[in-house]
Amino acid sequence: MYEEFTSVLDKANRLFSYKLLGFSNKSLQNIAQKPQKKAGNEAFQSGRHKEAVEHYTAAISSSAESLPFAAICFCNRAAAHQALGEISDAIADCSLAIAFDGNYPKAISRRATLYEMIRDYEQAANDLQRLVSLLENQSREKVQQSDTPNRSCGNIVKELKRAHNRLSSMEEKAKKGIPLDHYLILGVDASDTASEIKKAYRKAALRHHPDKAGQFLVRSESGDDGQLWKEIAEKVHKDADKLFKMIGEAYTVLSDPTKRSNHNFEEEGRKAQKNSNRSSSSSSTGKSSDFYSSPFERSWSSGKPSNFYGSPFERSSNRRYWQESKSYDDSRY
């Protein structure tokens, strides 16, 4: 208890000193935000994913008005949820990150990966098409800004090629009409009982109900800010409604004994086919063909993490393509 008290006291003294030095309230807010995000990153790297979620949540709660910073924290928290197998929570956080910053490649790419994991290939293809358009725009801007090609231009070209390949793959998979992975959506196992599935559904439905989405948002009722928050709230509600319906569909199938039995039978068939294909591929190449054995995107061509998506979490100092970058730079705080 004494250690907690002295920690709080030290923090209060630091903030008071910053105030005396002339720091604005916004600067003080950013000073308080950065340690939480940093602690979340460190917890994630150490495999303490639940702790990482808590730190990112704390950072988000004090940064709702800082759109770029909040977008980073939501995307980082999505990575932690993904590592915990909480896919619906991860999708929701990616959607929030995208609502806060529609030009955030990492959040769009991560949500596409999550949609692929639950076999919603149509939504994954939509996100990848959006990613392709965004990267094409970034590539053109880089060329216009620089007379000679540089490393950043090369990285964007690689990511664009990769996005095109992923998009082609998703479009092909979408044509097959494969059912969603209802177990993964609810975060349950095929061996779980009906009561366990019902409990998981209630928790997910309550957590992701559209009427609750975005309640934490700090809104201004007038001026340009008021219109901005209104647009963000509409995007958040739309994405939450989509996820909520997906959760309901999963429960409709898994709560019905006959539908669940049919779903399990189809799942076993797909698993057997996948193992057969993987075994065949491994015997011919010596490597697994499963690109998504890792929960995070990596550059398949080089075998090394790409600059945009190699890390499961985002450092805000890497976000140089925001329109707000002139006024926000996390490296200052």
C-alpha atoms as a PDB file:
ATOM      1  CA  MET A   1       0.000   0.000   0.000  1.00  0.00           C
ATOM      2  CA  TYR A   2       2.852   2.394   0.897  1.00  0.00           C
ATOM      3  CA  GLU A   3       4.569   1.722  -2.439  1.00  0.00           C
ATOM      4  CA  GLU A   4       1.337   2.423  -4.329  1.00  0.00           C
ATOM      5  CA  PHE A   5       0.887   5.675  -2.387  1.00  0.00           C
ATOM      6  CA  THR A   6       4.430   6.871  -3.083  1.00  0.00           C
ATOM      7  CA  SER A   7       4.043   5.983  -6.755  1.00  0.00           C
ATOM      8  CA  VAL A   8       0.892   8.091  -7.027  1.00  0.00           C
ATOM      9  CA  LEU A   9       2.545  10.904  -5.077  1.00  0.00           C
ATOM     10  CA  ASP A  10       5.603  10.878  -7.329  1.00  0.00           C
ATOM     11  CA  LYS A  11       3.399  11.015 -10.404  1.00  0.00           C
ATOM     12  CA  ALA A  12       1.414  13.929  -8.976  1.00  0.00           C
ATOM     13  CA  ASN A  13       4.634  15.797  -8.180  1.00  0.00           C
ATOM     14  CA  ARG A  14       5.921  15.276 -11.719  1.00  0.00           C
ATOM     15  CA  LEU A  15       2.695  16.531 -13.281  1.00  0.00           C
ATOM     16  CA  PHE A  16       2.683  19.553 -10.947  1.00  0.00           C
ATOM     17  CA  SER A  17       6.267  20.327 -11.982  1.00  0.00           C
ATOM     18  CA  TYR A  18       5.341  20.056 -15.651  1.00  0.00           C
ATOM     19  CA  LYS A  19       2.462  22.479 -15.044  1.00  0.00           C
ATOM     20  CA  LEU A  20       4.793  24.991 -13.429  1.00  0.00           C
ATOM     21  CA  LEU A  21       7.067  24.732 -16.473  1.00  0.00           C
ATOM     22  CA  GLY A  22       4.189  25.818 -18.676  1.00  0.00           C
ATOM     23  CA  PHE A  23       2.982  22.535 -20.168  1.00  0.00           C
ATOM     24  CA  SER A  24      -0.567  22.721 -21.551  1.00  0.00           C
ATOM     25  CA  ASN A  25      -3.323  20.374 -20.391  1.00  0.00           C
ATOM     26  CA  LYS A  26      -3.032  18.509 -23.695  1.00  0.00           C
ATOM     27  CA  SER A  27       0.706  18.038 -23.206  1.00  0.00           C
ATOM     28  CA  LEU A  28       0.112  16.788 -19.659  1.00  0.00           C
ATOM     29  CA  GLN A  29      -2.436  14.327 -21.012  1.00  0.00           C
ATOM     30  CA  ASN A  30       0.086  12.986 -23.513  1.00  0.00           C
ATOM     31  CA  ILE A  31       2.719  12.681 -20.769  1.00  0.00           C
ATOM     32  CA  ALA A  32       0.298  10.515 -18.800  1.00  0.00           C
ATOM     33  CA  GLN A  33      -0.702   8.444 -21.855  1.00  0.00           C
ATOM     34  CA  LYS A  34       2.716   7.378 -23.081  1.00  0.00           C
ATOM     35  CA  PRO A  35       3.808   5.279 -20.064  1.00  0.00           C
ATOM     36  CA  GLN A  36       0.577   3.252 -20.264  1.00  0.00           C
ATOM     37  CA  LYS A  37       1.086   2.453 -23.939  1.00  0.00           C
ATOM     38  CA  LYS A  38       4.762   1.682 -23.368  1.00  0.00           C
ATOM     39  CA  ALA A  39       3.849  -0.623 -20.496  1.00  0.00           C
ATOM     40  CA  GLY A  40       1.336  -2.330 -22.773  1.00  0.00           C
ATOM     41  CA  ASN A  41       3.974  -2.869 -25.444  1.00  0.00           C
ATOM     42  CA  GLU A  42       6.408  -4.305 -22.901  1.00  0.00           C
ATOM     43  CA  ALA A  43       3.750  -6.608 -21.450  1.00  0.00           C
ATOM     44  CA  PHE A  44       2.850  -7.817 -24.918  1.00  0.00           C
ATOM     45  CA  GLN A  45       6.459  -8.565 -25.822  1.00  0.00           C
ATOM     46  CA  SER A  46       6.782 -10.544 -22.584  1.00  0.00           C
ATOM     47  CA  GLY A  47       3.687 -12.608 -23.398  1.00  0.00           C
ATOM     48  CA  ARG A  48       1.559 -10.996 -20.670  1.00  0.00           C
ATOM     49  CA  HIS A  49      -1.317 -10.308 -23.024  1.00  0.00           C
ATOM     50  CA  LYS A  50      -4.050  -9.739 -20.434  1.00  0.00           C
ATOM     51  CA  GLU A  51      -1.865  -7.180 -18.720  1.00  0.00           C
ATOM     52  CA  ALA A  52      -1.206  -5.559 -22.095  1.00  0.00           C
ATOM     53  CA  VAL A  53      -4.959  -5.212 -22.657  1.00  0.00           C
ATOM     54  CA  GLU A  54      -5.285  -3.458 -19.291  1.00  0.00           C
ATOM     55  CA  HIS A  55      -2.490  -0.989 -20.054  1.00  0.00           C
ATOM     56  CA  TYR A  56      -3.831  -0.160 -23.513  1.00  0.00           C
ATOM     57  CA  THR A  57      -7.311   0.294 -22.050  1.00  0.00           C
ATOM     58  CA  ALA A  58      -5.937   2.750 -19.502  1.00  0.00           C
ATOM     59  CA  ALA A  59      -4.149   4.666 -22.252  1.00  0.00           C
ATOM     60  CA  ILE A  60      -7.324   4.778 -24.349  1.00  0.00           C
ATOM     61  CA  SER A  61      -9.441   6.034 -21.466  1.00  0.00           C
ATOM     62  CA  SER A  62      -7.265   9.138 -21.207  1.00  0.00           C
ATOM     63  CA  SER A  63      -6.808   9.735 -24.938  1.00  0.00           C
ATOM     64  CA  ALA A  64     -10.256   9.678 -26.544  1.00  0.00           C
ATOM     65  CA  GLU A  65      -9.751  13.194 -27.907  1.00  0.00           C
ATOM     66  CA  SER A  66      -6.358  12.352 -29.429  1.00  0.00           C
ATOM     67  CA  LEU A  67      -7.482  10.412 -32.491  1.00  0.00           C
ATOM     68  CA  PRO A  68      -4.056   9.217 -33.744  1.00  0.00           C
ATOM     69  CA  PHE A  69      -2.917   8.036 -30.321  1.00  0.00           C
ATOM     70  CA  ALA A  70      -6.240   6.329 -29.587  1.00  0.00           C
ATOM     71  CA  ALA A  71      -6.150   4.583 -32.983  1.00  0.00           C
ATOM     72  CA  ILE A  72      -2.709   3.157 -32.179  1.00  0.00           C
ATOM     73  CA  CYS A  73      -3.832   1.932 -28.764  1.00  0.00           C
ATOM     74  CA  PHE A  74      -6.944   0.271 -30.186  1.00  0.00           C
ATOM     75  CA  CYS A  75      -4.879  -1.506 -32.839  1.00  0.00           C
ATOM     76  CA  ASN A  76      -2.310  -2.583 -30.252  1.00  0.00           C
ATOM     77  CA  ARG A  77      -5.052  -3.850 -27.946  1.00  0.00           C
ATOM     78  CA  ALA A  78      -6.502  -5.777 -30.887  1.00  0.00           C
ATOM     79  CA  ALA A  79      -3.172  -7.608 -31.197  1.00  0.00           C
ATOM     80  CA  ALA A  80      -3.328  -8.527 -27.513  1.00  0.00           C
ATOM     81  CA  HIS A  81      -6.922  -9.767 -27.836  1.00  0.00           C
ATOM     82  CA  GLN A  82      -5.898 -11.783 -30.894  1.00  0.00           C
ATOM     83  CA  ALA A  83      -3.065 -13.406 -28.950  1.00  0.00           C
ATOM     84  CA  LEU A  84      -5.603 -14.350 -26.251  1.00  0.00           C
ATOM     85  CA  GLY A  85      -7.915 -15.924 -28.845  1.00  0.00           C
ATOM     86  CA  GLU A  86     -10.518 -13.173 -28.337  1.00  0.00           C
ATOM     87  CA  ILE A  87     -11.135 -12.632 -32.023  1.00  0.00           C
ATOM     88  CA  SER A  88     -14.427 -10.736 -31.802  1.00  0.00           C
ATOM     89  CA  ASP A  89     -12.857  -8.305 -29.336  1.00  0.00           C
ATOM     90  CA  ALA A  90      -9.891  -7.895 -31.675  1.00  0.00           C
ATOM     91  CA  ILE A  91     -12.161  -7.167 -34.648  1.00  0.00           C
ATOM     92  CA  ALA A  92     -14.056  -4.592 -32.594  1.00  0.00           C
ATOM     93  CA  ASP A  93     -10.823  -2.827 -31.614  1.00  0.00           C
ATOM     94  CA  CYS A  94      -9.563  -2.758 -35.206  1.00  0.00           C
ATOM     95  CA  SER A  95     -12.880  -1.252 -36.267  1.00  0.00           C
ATOM     96  CA  LEU A  96     -12.512   1.443 -33.617  1.00  0.00           C
ATOM     97  CA  ALA A  97      -8.955   2.172 -34.771  1.00  0.00           C
ATOM     98  CA  ILE A  98     -10.173   2.518 -38.358  1.00  0.00           C
ATOM     99  CA  ALA A  99     -13.084   4.738 -37.286  1.00  0.00           C
ATOM    100  CA  PHE A 100     -10.573   7.024 -35.545  1.00  0.00           C
ATOM    101  CA  ASP A 101      -8.151   6.953 -38.483  1.00  0.00           C
ATOM    102  CA  GLY A 102      -9.474   5.719 -41.811  1.00  0.00           C
ATOM    103  CA  ASN A 103      -5.986   5.841 -43.340  1.00  0.00           C
ATOM    104  CA  TYR A 104      -4.359   3.436 -40.904  1.00  0.00           C
ATOM    105  CA  PRO A 105      -2.859   0.573 -42.988  1.00  0.00           C
ATOM    106  CA  LYS A 106      -1.924  -1.633 -40.049  1.00  0.00           C
ATOM    107  CA  ALA A 107      -5.426  -1.608 -38.553  1.00  0.00           C
ATOM    108  CA  ILE A 108      -7.017  -2.344 -41.926  1.00  0.00           C
ATOM    109  CA  SER A 109      -4.542  -5.156 -42.621  1.00  0.00           C
ATOM    110  CA  ARG A 110      -4.996  -6.658 -39.150  1.00  0.00           C
ATOM    111  CA  ARG A 111      -8.795  -6.628 -39.426  1.00  0.00           C
ATOM    112  CA  ALA A 112      -8.530  -8.364 -42.806  1.00  0.00           C
ATOM    113  CA  THR A 113      -6.418 -11.062 -41.145  1.00  0.00           C
ATOM    114  CA  LEU A 114      -8.966 -11.456 -38.352  1.00  0.00           C
ATOM    115  CA  TYR A 115     -11.826 -11.733 -40.826  1.00  0.00           C
ATOM    116  CA  GLU A 116      -9.875 -14.410 -42.653  1.00  0.00           C
ATOM    117  CA  MET A 117      -9.371 -16.304 -39.393  1.00  0.00           C
ATOM    118  CA  ILE A 118     -13.143 -16.547 -38.875  1.00  0.00           C
ATOM    119  CA  ARG A 119     -13.557 -17.271 -42.610  1.00  0.00           C
ATOM    120  CA  ASP A 120     -15.438 -14.098 -43.451  1.00  0.00           C
ATOM    121  CA  TYR A 121     -13.548 -13.879 -46.708  1.00  0.00           C
ATOM    122  CA  GLU A 122     -15.868 -11.297 -48.244  1.00  0.00           C
ATOM    123  CA  GLN A 123     -15.204  -8.794 -45.446  1.00  0.00           C
ATOM    124  CA  ALA A 124     -11.496  -9.628 -45.574  1.00  0.00           C
ATOM    125  CA  ALA A 125     -11.494  -8.889 -49.315  1.00  0.00           C
ATOM    126  CA  ASN A 126     -13.257  -5.565 -48.699  1.00  0.00           C
ATOM    127  CA  ASP A 127     -10.584  -4.527 -46.216  1.00  0.00           C
ATOM    128  CA  LEU A 128      -7.782  -5.639 -48.511  1.00  0.00           C
ATOM    129  CA  GLN A 129      -9.264  -3.666 -51.398  1.00  0.00           C
ATOM    130  CA  ARG A 130      -9.283  -0.654 -49.111  1.00  0.00           C
ATOM    131  CA  LEU A 131      -5.678  -1.374 -48.128  1.00  0.00           C
ATOM    132  CA  VAL A 132      -4.621  -1.614 -51.778  1.00  0.00           C
ATOM    133  CA  SER A 133      -6.206   1.763 -52.559  1.00  0.00           C
ATOM    134  CA  LEU A 134      -4.554   3.352 -49.532  1.00  0.00           C
ATOM    135  CA  LEU A 135      -1.105   1.990 -50.375  1.00  0.00           C
ATOM    136  CA  GLU A 136      -1.468   3.069 -54.008  1.00  0.00           C
ATOM    137  CA  ASN A 137      -2.214   6.612 -52.849  1.00  0.00           C
ATOM    138  CA  GLN A 138       0.740   6.549 -50.466  1.00  0.00           C
ATOM    139  CA  SER A 139       3.004   5.284 -53.232  1.00  0.00           C
ATOM    140  CA  ARG A 140       1.976   8.107 -55.557  1.00  0.00           C
ATOM    141  CA  GLU A 141       2.508  10.671 -52.798  1.00  0.00           C
ATOM    142  CA  LYS A 142       5.989   9.325 -52.044  1.00  0.00           C
ATOM    143  CA  VAL A 143       6.949   9.496 -55.723  1.00  0.00           C
ATOM    144  CA  GLN A 144       5.712  13.089 -55.956  1.00  0.00           C
ATOM    145  CA  GLN A 145       7.586  14.098 -52.808  1.00  0.00           C
ATOM    146  CA  SER A 146      10.911  12.545 -53.835  1.00  0.00           C
ATOM    147  CA  ASP A 147      12.792  12.830 -57.113  1.00  0.00           C
ATOM    148  CA  THR A 148      14.711   9.620 -56.461  1.00  0.00           C
ATOM    149  CA  PRO A 149      13.317   6.322 -55.103  1.00  0.00           C
ATOM    150  CA  ASN A 150      14.134   5.701 -51.446  1.00  0.00           C
ATOM    151  CA  ARG A 151      13.714   2.907 -48.932  1.00  0.00           C
ATOM    152  CA  SER A 152      10.234   3.974 -47.847  1.00  0.00           C
ATOM    153  CA  CYS A 153       9.029   3.873 -51.455  1.00  0.00           C
ATOM    154  CA  GLY A 154      10.411   0.357 -51.802  1.00  0.00           C
ATOM    155  CA  ASN A 155       8.658  -0.764 -48.632  1.00  0.00           C
ATOM    156  CA  ILE A 156       5.311   0.563 -49.838  1.00  0.00           C
ATOM    157  CA  VAL A 157       5.769  -1.212 -53.183  1.00  0.00           C
ATOM    158  CA  LYS A 158       6.434  -4.499 -51.367  1.00  0.00           C
ATOM    159  CA  GLU A 159       3.413  -4.046 -49.122  1.00  0.00           C
ATOM    160  CA  LEU A 160       1.263  -3.162 -52.122  1.00  0.00           C
ATOM    161  CA  LYS A 161       2.328  -6.316 -53.945  1.00  0.00           C
ATOM    162  CA  ARG A 162       1.605  -8.363 -50.862  1.00  0.00           C
ATOM    163  CA  ALA A 163      -1.813  -6.725 -50.433  1.00  0.00           C
ATOM    164  CA  HIS A 164      -2.669  -7.516 -54.065  1.00  0.00           C
ATOM    165  CA  ASN A 165      -1.719 -11.176 -53.526  1.00  0.00           C
ATOM    166  CA  ARG A 166      -3.784 -11.389 -50.355  1.00  0.00           C
ATOM    167  CA  LEU A 167      -6.745  -9.750 -52.087  1.00  0.00           C
ATOM    168  CA  SER A 168      -6.638 -12.261 -54.940  1.00  0.00           C
ATOM    169  CA  SER A 169      -6.543 -15.115 -52.441  1.00  0.00           C
ATOM    170  CA  MET A 170      -9.489 -13.730 -50.428  1.00  0.00           C
ATOM    171  CA  GLU A 171     -11.596 -13.197 -53.529  1.00  0.00           C
ATOM    172  CA  GLU A 172     -11.035 -16.813 -54.546  1.00  0.00           C
ATOM    173  CA  LYS A 173     -11.931 -18.079 -51.078  1.00  0.00           C
ATOM    174  CA  ALA A 174     -15.038 -15.886 -50.957  1.00  0.00           C
ATOM    175  CA  LYS A 175     -16.380 -17.647 -54.048  1.00  0.00           C
ATOM    176  CA  LYS A 176     -16.392 -21.001 -52.237  1.00  0.00           C
ATOM    177  CA  GLY A 177     -19.120 -19.981 -49.781  1.00  0.00           C
ATOM    178  CA  ILE A 178     -17.432 -21.562 -46.753  1.00  0.00           C
ATOM    179  CA  PRO A 179     -19.417 -21.024 -43.500  1.00  0.00           C
ATOM    180  CA  LEU A 180     -17.989 -18.821 -40.776  1.00  0.00           C
ATOM    181  CA  ASP A 181     -16.022 -20.324 -37.896  1.00  0.00           C
ATOM    182  CA  HIS A 182     -18.756 -19.902 -35.276  1.00  0.00           C
ATOM    183  CA  TYR A 183     -16.655 -21.351 -32.457  1.00  0.00           C
ATOM    184  CA  LEU A 184     -13.888 -18.824 -33.029  1.00  0.00           C
ATOM    185  CA  ILE A 185     -16.367 -15.947 -33.193  1.00  0.00           C
ATOM    186  CA  LEU A 186     -17.751 -16.801 -29.757  1.00  0.00           C
ATOM    187  CA  GLY A 187     -14.350 -17.781 -28.389  1.00  0.00           C
ATOM    188  CA  VAL A 188     -15.403 -21.298 -27.424  1.00  0.00           C
ATOM    189  CA  ASP A 189     -14.227 -24.825 -28.210  1.00  0.00           C
ATOM    190  CA  ALA A 190     -16.095 -27.563 -30.041  1.00  0.00           C
ATOM    191  CA  SER A 191     -15.995 -29.586 -26.821  1.00  0.00           C
ATOM    192  CA  ASP A 192     -17.743 -26.878 -24.752  1.00  0.00           C
ATOM    193  CA  THR A 193     -21.194 -27.587 -23.376  1.00  0.00           C
ATOM    194  CA  ALA A 194     -24.390 -25.821 -24.421  1.00  0.00           C
ATOM    195  CA  SER A 195     -24.398 -23.819 -21.176  1.00  0.00           C
ATOM    196  CA  GLU A 196     -20.808 -22.685 -21.738  1.00  0.00           C
ATOM    197  CA  ILE A 197     -21.659 -21.577 -25.249  1.00  0.00           C
ATOM    198  CA  LYS A 198     -24.711 -19.710 -23.994  1.00  0.00           C
ATOM    199  CA  LYS A 199     -22.612 -17.953 -21.374  1.00  0.00           C
ATOM    200  CA  ALA A 200     -20.016 -16.953 -23.975  1.00  0.00           C
ATOM    201  CA  TYR A 201     -22.745 -15.650 -26.280  1.00  0.00           C
ATOM    202  CA  ARG A 202     -24.343 -13.513 -23.577  1.00  0.00           C
ATOM    203  CA  LYS A 203     -20.998 -12.025 -22.667  1.00  0.00           C
ATOM    204  CA  ALA A 204     -20.136 -11.258 -26.297  1.00  0.00           C
ATOM    205  CA  ALA A 205     -23.592  -9.890 -27.114  1.00  0.00           C
ATOM    206  CA  LEU A 206     -23.531  -7.594 -24.105  1.00  0.00           C
ATOM    207  CA  ARG A 207     -20.002  -6.414 -24.806  1.00  0.00           C
ATOM    208  CA  HIS A 208     -20.571  -5.704 -28.496  1.00  0.00           C
ATOM    209  CA  HIS A 209     -24.147  -4.446 -28.539  1.00  0.00           C
ATOM    210  CA  PRO A 210     -24.387  -1.561 -31.057  1.00  0.00           C
ATOM    211  CA  ASP A 211     -26.117   0.693 -28.518  1.00  0.00           C
ATOM    212  CA  LYS A 212     -23.072   0.432 -26.242  1.00  0.00           C
ATOM    213  CA  ALA A 213     -20.474   0.935 -28.934  1.00  0.00           C
ATOM    214  CA  GLY A 214     -18.582   4.166 -28.663  1.00  0.00           C
ATOM    215  CA  GLN A 215     -20.161   5.276 -25.400  1.00  0.00           C
ATOM    216  CA  PHE A 216     -16.713   6.264 -24.160  1.00  0.00           C
ATOM    217  CA  LEU A 217     -16.259   8.768 -26.985  1.00  0.00           C
ATOM    218  CA  VAL A 218     -15.800  12.361 -25.899  1.00  0.00           C
ATOM    219  CA  ARG A 219     -18.103  14.392 -28.118  1.00  0.00           C
ATOM    220  CA  SER A 220     -18.452  18.050 -28.878  1.00  0.00           C
ATOM    221  CA  GLU A 221     -21.910  19.160 -29.863  1.00  0.00           C
ATOM    222  CA  SER A 222     -21.006  22.073 -32.111  1.00  0.00           C
ATOM    223  CA  GLY A 223     -18.641  23.188 -34.851  1.00  0.00           C
ATOM    224  CA  ASP A 224     -16.323  21.016 -36.908  1.00  0.00           C
ATOM    225  CA  ASP A 225     -15.518  18.819 -33.914  1.00  0.00           C
ATOM    226  CA  GLY A 226     -19.187  18.019 -33.465  1.00  0.00           C
ATOM    227  CA  GLN A 227     -19.483  16.824 -37.067  1.00  0.00           C
ATOM    228  CA  LEU A 228     -16.280  14.799 -36.748  1.00  0.00           C
ATOM    229  CA  TRP A 229     -17.465  12.959 -33.635  1.00  0.00           C
ATOM    230  CA  LYS A 230     -20.842  12.354 -35.247  1.00  0.00           C
ATOM    231  CA  GLU A 231     -19.177  10.710 -38.248  1.00  0.00           C
ATOM    232  CA  ILE A 232     -16.961   8.599 -35.978  1.00  0.00           C
ATOM    233  CA  ALA A 233     -19.962   7.514 -33.892  1.00  0.00           C
ATOM    234  CA  GLU A 234     -21.844   6.458 -37.025  1.00  0.00           C
ATOM    235  CA  LYS A 235     -18.893   4.356 -38.232  1.00  0.00           C
ATOM    236  CA  VAL A 236     -18.499   2.755 -34.814  1.00  0.00           C
ATOM    237  CA  HIS A 237     -22.205   1.895 -34.615  1.00  0.00           C
ATOM    238  CA  LYS A 238     -22.241   0.442 -38.136  1.00  0.00           C
ATOM    239  CA  ASP A 239     -19.255  -1.822 -37.483  1.00  0.00           C
ATOM    240  CA  ALA A 240     -20.633  -2.861 -34.077  1.00  0.00           C
ATOM    241  CA  ASP A 241     -23.975  -3.768 -35.638  1.00  0.00           C
ATOM    242  CA  LYS A 242     -22.214  -5.967 -38.182  1.00  0.00           C
ATOM    243  CA  LEU A 243     -20.209  -7.752 -35.482  1.00  0.00           C
ATOM    244  CA  PHE A 244     -23.267  -8.116 -33.243  1.00  0.00           C
ATOM    245  CA  LYS A 245     -25.200  -9.844 -36.027  1.00  0.00           C
ATOM    246  CA  MET A 246     -22.236 -12.143 -36.650  1.00  0.00           C
ATOM    247  CA  ILE A 247     -22.198 -13.110 -32.965  1.00  0.00           C
ATOM    248  CA  GLY A 248     -25.942 -13.764 -33.084  1.00  0.00           C
ATOM    249  CA  GLU A 249     -25.575 -15.937 -36.169  1.00  0.00           C
ATOM    250  CA  ALA A 250     -22.867 -17.981 -34.465  1.00  0.00           C
ATOM    251  CA  TYR A 251     -25.088 -18.605 -31.452  1.00  0.00           C
ATOM    252  CA  THR A 252     -28.066 -19.500 -33.658  1.00  0.00           C
ATOM    253  CA  VAL A 253     -26.025 -22.334 -35.150  1.00  0.00           C
ATOM    254  CA  LEU A 254     -24.254 -23.540 -32.019  1.00  0.00           C
ATOM    255  CA  SER A 255     -27.333 -23.403 -29.780  1.00  0.00           C
ATOM    256  CA  ASP A 256     -29.290 -25.709 -32.082  1.00  0.00           C
ATOM    257  CA  PRO A 257     -28.178 -29.363 -31.600  1.00  0.00           C
ATOM    258  CA  THR A 258     -28.900 -30.335 -35.209  1.00  0.00           C
ATOM    259  CA  LYS A 259     -27.233 -27.275 -36.739  1.00  0.00           C
ATOM    260  CA  ARG A 260     -24.269 -27.642 -34.417  1.00  0.00           C
ATOM    261  CA  SER A 261     -23.876 -31.316 -35.329  1.00  0.00           C
ATOM    262  CA  ASN A 262     -23.898 -30.477 -39.041  1.00  0.00           C
ATOM    263  CA  HIS A 263     -21.439 -27.657 -38.456  1.00  0.00           C
ATOM    264  CA  ASN A 264     -19.101 -29.973 -36.529  1.00  0.00           C
ATOM    265  CA  PHE A 265     -19.253 -32.565 -39.300  1.00  0.00           C
ATOM    266  CA  GLU A 266     -18.317 -29.956 -41.902  1.00  0.00           C
ATOM    267  CA  GLU A 267     -15.542 -28.642 -39.667  1.00  0.00           C
ATOM    268  CA  GLU A 268     -14.015 -32.109 -39.339  1.00  0.00           C
ATOM    269  CA  GLY A 269     -14.071 -32.485 -43.105  1.00  0.00           C
ATOM    270  CA  ARG A 270     -12.346 -29.136 -43.619  1.00  0.00           C
ATOM    271  CA  LYS A 271      -9.761 -29.938 -40.960  1.00  0.00           C
ATOM    272  CA  ALA A 272      -8.966 -33.285 -42.573  1.00  0.00           C
ATOM    273  CA  GLN A 273      -8.633 -31.648 -45.997  1.00  0.00           C
ATOM    274  CA  LYS A 274      -6.427 -28.886 -44.597  1.00  0.00           C
ATOM    275  CA  ASN A 275      -4.126 -31.381 -42.860  1.00  0.00           C
ATOM    276  CA  SER A 276      -3.898 -33.398 -46.047  1.00  0.00           C
ATOM    277  CA  ASN A 277      -2.973 -30.336 -48.098  1.00  0.00           C
ATOM    278  CA  ARG A 278      -0.468 -29.184 -45.490  1.00  0.00           C
ATOM    279  CA  SER A 279       1.172 -32.592 -45.339  1.00  0.00           C
ATOM    280  CA  SER A 280       1.430 -32.693 -49.121  1.00  0.00           C
ATOM    281  CA  SER A 281       2.888 -29.193 -49.241  1.00  0.00           C
ATOM    282  CA  SER A 282       5.383 -29.886 -46.445  1.00  0.00           C
ATOM    283  CA  SER A 283       6.637 -33.030 -48.125  1.00  0.00           C
ATOM    284  CA  SER A 284       7.291 -31.165 -51.356  1.00  0.00           C
ATOM    285  CA  THR A 285       8.715 -27.901 -49.986  1.00  0.00           C
ATOM    286  CA  GLY A 286       9.822 -28.784 -46.471  1.00  0.00           C
ATOM    287  CA  LYS A 287       7.757 -25.865 -45.130  1.00  0.00           C
ATOM    288  CA  SER A 288       4.217 -25.358 -43.939  1.00  0.00           C
ATOM    289  CA  SER A 289       1.840 -23.672 -46.388  1.00  0.00           C
ATOM    290  CA  ASP A 290      -0.159 -22.049 -43.614  1.00  0.00           C
ATOM    291  CA  PHE A 291       0.615 -18.336 -43.933  1.00  0.00           C
ATOM    292  CA  TYR A 292      -1.368 -17.539 -40.790  1.00  0.00           C
ATOM    293  CA  SER A 293       0.319 -19.864 -38.324  1.00  0.00           C
ATOM    294  CA  SER A 294       1.415 -16.609 -36.705  1.00  0.00           C
ATOM    295  CA  PRO A 295      -1.311 -14.246 -35.507  1.00  0.00           C
ATOM    296  CA  PHE A 296       0.562 -11.268 -36.901  1.00  0.00           C
ATOM    297  CA  GLU A 297       1.325 -10.244 -40.465  1.00  0.00           C
ATOM    298  CA  ARG A 298       4.832 -10.781 -41.730  1.00  0.00           C
ATOM    299  CA  SER A 299       6.520 -10.271 -45.049  1.00  0.00           C
ATOM    300  CA  TRP A 300       6.297 -13.639 -46.785  1.00  0.00           C
ATOM    301  CA  SER A 301       8.725 -12.756 -49.547  1.00  0.00           C
ATOM    302  CA  SER A 302      11.639 -11.728 -47.365  1.00  0.00           C
ATOM    303  CA  GLY A 303      10.990 -13.899 -44.327  1.00  0.00           C
ATOM    304  CA  LYS A 304      11.502 -10.835 -42.160  1.00  0.00           C
ATOM    305  CA  PRO A 305       8.945  -8.500 -40.566  1.00  0.00           C
ATOM    306  CA  SER A 306       7.952  -5.652 -42.854  1.00  0.00           C
ATOM    307  CA  ASN A 307       8.212  -2.088 -41.643  1.00  0.00           C
ATOM    308  CA  PHE A 308       4.457  -1.544 -41.687  1.00  0.00           C
ATOM    309  CA  TYR A 309       3.136  -4.773 -40.261  1.00  0.00           C
ATOM    310  CA  GLY A 310       5.998  -6.797 -38.811  1.00  0.00           C
ATOM    311  CA  SER A 311       5.422  -5.743 -35.225  1.00  0.00           C
ATOM    312  CA  PRO A 312       2.234  -6.876 -33.492  1.00  0.00           C
ATOM    313  CA  PHE A 313       1.957  -3.489 -31.800  1.00  0.00           C
ATOM    314  CA  GLU A 314       2.420   0.037 -33.072  1.00  0.00           C
ATOM    315  CA  ARG A 315       4.868   2.642 -31.898  1.00  0.00           C
ATOM    316  CA  SER A 316       3.301   5.999 -32.577  1.00  0.00           C
ATOM    317  CA  SER A 317       6.633   7.452 -33.665  1.00  0.00           C
ATOM    318  CA  ASN A 318       6.355   5.260 -36.772  1.00  0.00           C
ATOM    319  CA  ARG A 319       3.071   6.875 -37.834  1.00  0.00           C
ATOM    320  CA  ARG A 320       4.426   9.547 -40.147  1.00  0.00           C
ATOM    321  CA  TYR A 321       1.644   9.467 -42.712  1.00  0.00           C
ATOM    322  CA  TRP A 322      -1.131  10.993 -40.603  1.00  0.00           C
ATOM    323  CA  GLN A 323      -2.600  14.252 -41.740  1.00  0.00           C
ATOM    324  CA  GLU A 324      -2.319  15.296 -38.107  1.00  0.00           C
ATOM    325  CA  SER A 325       1.360  14.421 -37.875  1.00  0.00           C
ATOM    326  CA  LYS A 326       2.407  18.066 -37.653  1.00  0.00           C
ATOM    327  CA  SER A 327       0.482  18.540 -34.440  1.00  0.00           C
ATOM    328  CA  TYR A 328       0.982  15.103 -32.949  1.00  0.00           C
ATOM    329  CA  ASP A 329       4.224  13.264 -32.461  1.00  0.00           C
ATOM    330  CA  ASP A 330       4.343  10.695 -29.696  1.00  0.00           C
ATOM    331  CA  SER A 331       8.128  10.836 -29.613  1.00  0.00           C
ATOM    332  CA  ARG A 332       7.913  14.266 -27.973  1.00  0.00           C
ATOM    333  CA  TYR A 333       6.316  13.039 -24.766  1.00  0.00           C
END
